[in-house]
């Protein structure tokens, strides 16, 4: 699942690890920083996905 981060050029990826019976075993949040030509940037596709949340 995609989630907005409080910092402008970062994106959170939230996912869950579930056991076979469907019980959530762990919740993980990974933070990605978007960079273009060595500078922070936010691609239009990612921005559109975040705005549609």
C-alpha atoms as a PDB file:
ATOM      1  CA  UNK A   1       0.000   0.000   0.000  1.00  0.00           C
ATOM      2  CA  UNK A   2       1.284   3.461  -0.881  1.00  0.00           C
ATOM      3  CA  UNK A   3       1.100   6.197   1.757  1.00  0.00           C
ATOM      4  CA  UNK A   4       2.094   9.863   1.921  1.00  0.00           C
ATOM      5  CA  UNK A   5       5.127  10.739   4.014  1.00  0.00           C
ATOM      6  CA  UNK A   6       5.339  13.984   5.995  1.00  0.00           C
ATOM      7  CA  UNK A   7       8.379  14.982   3.914  1.00  0.00           C
ATOM      8  CA  UNK A   8       7.616  16.145   0.395  1.00  0.00           C
ATOM      9  CA  UNK A   9       9.954  13.917  -1.658  1.00  0.00           C
ATOM     10  CA  UNK A  10       9.395  10.698   0.276  1.00  0.00           C
ATOM     11  CA  UNK A  11       6.876   7.911  -0.052  1.00  0.00           C
ATOM     12  CA  UNK A  12       5.901   5.202   2.449  1.00  0.00           C
ATOM     13  CA  UNK A  13       5.299   1.639   1.307  1.00  0.00           C
ATOM     14  CA  UNK A  14       3.244  -0.157   3.949  1.00  0.00           C
ATOM     15  CA  UNK A  15       2.755  -3.883   3.826  1.00  0.00           C
ATOM     16  CA  UNK A  16       1.708  -6.707   6.102  1.00  0.00           C
ATOM     17  CA  UNK A  17       3.150 -10.157   6.608  1.00  0.00           C
ATOM     18  CA  UNK A  18       0.324 -12.564   7.365  1.00  0.00           C
ATOM     19  CA  UNK A  19       0.311 -16.117   8.628  1.00  0.00           C
ATOM     20  CA  UNK A  20      -1.510 -18.831   6.711  1.00  0.00           C
ATOM     21  CA  UNK A  21      -4.614 -18.305   8.865  1.00  0.00           C
ATOM     22  CA  UNK A  22      -4.724 -14.606   7.873  1.00  0.00           C
ATOM     23  CA  UNK A  23      -3.511 -13.209  11.204  1.00  0.00           C
ATOM     24  CA  UNK A  24      -1.096 -10.278  10.752  1.00  0.00           C
ATOM     25  CA  UNK A  25       2.358 -11.415  11.860  1.00  0.00           C
ATOM     26  CA  UNK A  26       4.173  -8.132  11.143  1.00  0.00           C
ATOM     27  CA  UNK A  27       3.521  -4.681   9.719  1.00  0.00           C
ATOM     28  CA  UNK A  28       6.357  -3.075   7.768  1.00  0.00           C
ATOM     29  CA  UNK A  29       6.779   0.507   6.566  1.00  0.00           C
ATOM     30  CA  UNK A  30       9.570   1.224   4.089  1.00  0.00           C
ATOM     31  CA  UNK A  31      10.419   4.813   3.174  1.00  0.00           C
ATOM     32  CA  UNK A  32      11.633   5.658  -0.336  1.00  0.00           C
ATOM     33  CA  UNK A  33      13.183   8.952  -1.388  1.00  0.00           C
ATOM     34  CA  UNK A  34      12.544   9.945  -4.993  1.00  0.00           C
ATOM     35  CA  UNK A  35      15.642  11.342  -6.745  1.00  0.00           C
ATOM     36  CA  UNK A  36      16.127  12.567 -10.301  1.00  0.00           C
ATOM     37  CA  UNK A  37      19.532  13.694 -11.589  1.00  0.00           C
ATOM     38  CA  UNK A  38      20.851  13.645  -8.028  1.00  0.00           C
ATOM     39  CA  UNK A  39      18.140  16.007  -6.745  1.00  0.00           C
ATOM     40  CA  UNK A  40      14.984  15.253  -4.759  1.00  0.00           C
ATOM     41  CA  UNK A  41      11.961  15.043  -7.036  1.00  0.00           C
ATOM     42  CA  UNK A  42       8.535  13.428  -7.197  1.00  0.00           C
ATOM     43  CA  UNK A  43       7.583  11.667 -10.470  1.00  0.00           C
ATOM     44  CA  UNK A  44       4.128  12.545 -11.826  1.00  0.00           C
ATOM     45  CA  UNK A  45       2.975   8.910 -11.670  1.00  0.00           C
ATOM     46  CA  UNK A  46       3.802   8.692  -7.965  1.00  0.00           C
ATOM     47  CA  UNK A  47       2.228  12.093  -7.246  1.00  0.00           C
ATOM     48  CA  UNK A  48      -0.969  11.050  -9.063  1.00  0.00           C
ATOM     49  CA  UNK A  49      -1.117   7.801  -7.088  1.00  0.00           C
ATOM     50  CA  UNK A  50      -0.688   9.677  -3.793  1.00  0.00           C
ATOM     51  CA  UNK A  51      -3.331  12.262  -4.717  1.00  0.00           C
ATOM     52  CA  UNK A  52      -5.837   9.512  -5.482  1.00  0.00           C
ATOM     53  CA  UNK A  53      -5.602   8.129  -1.907  1.00  0.00           C
END
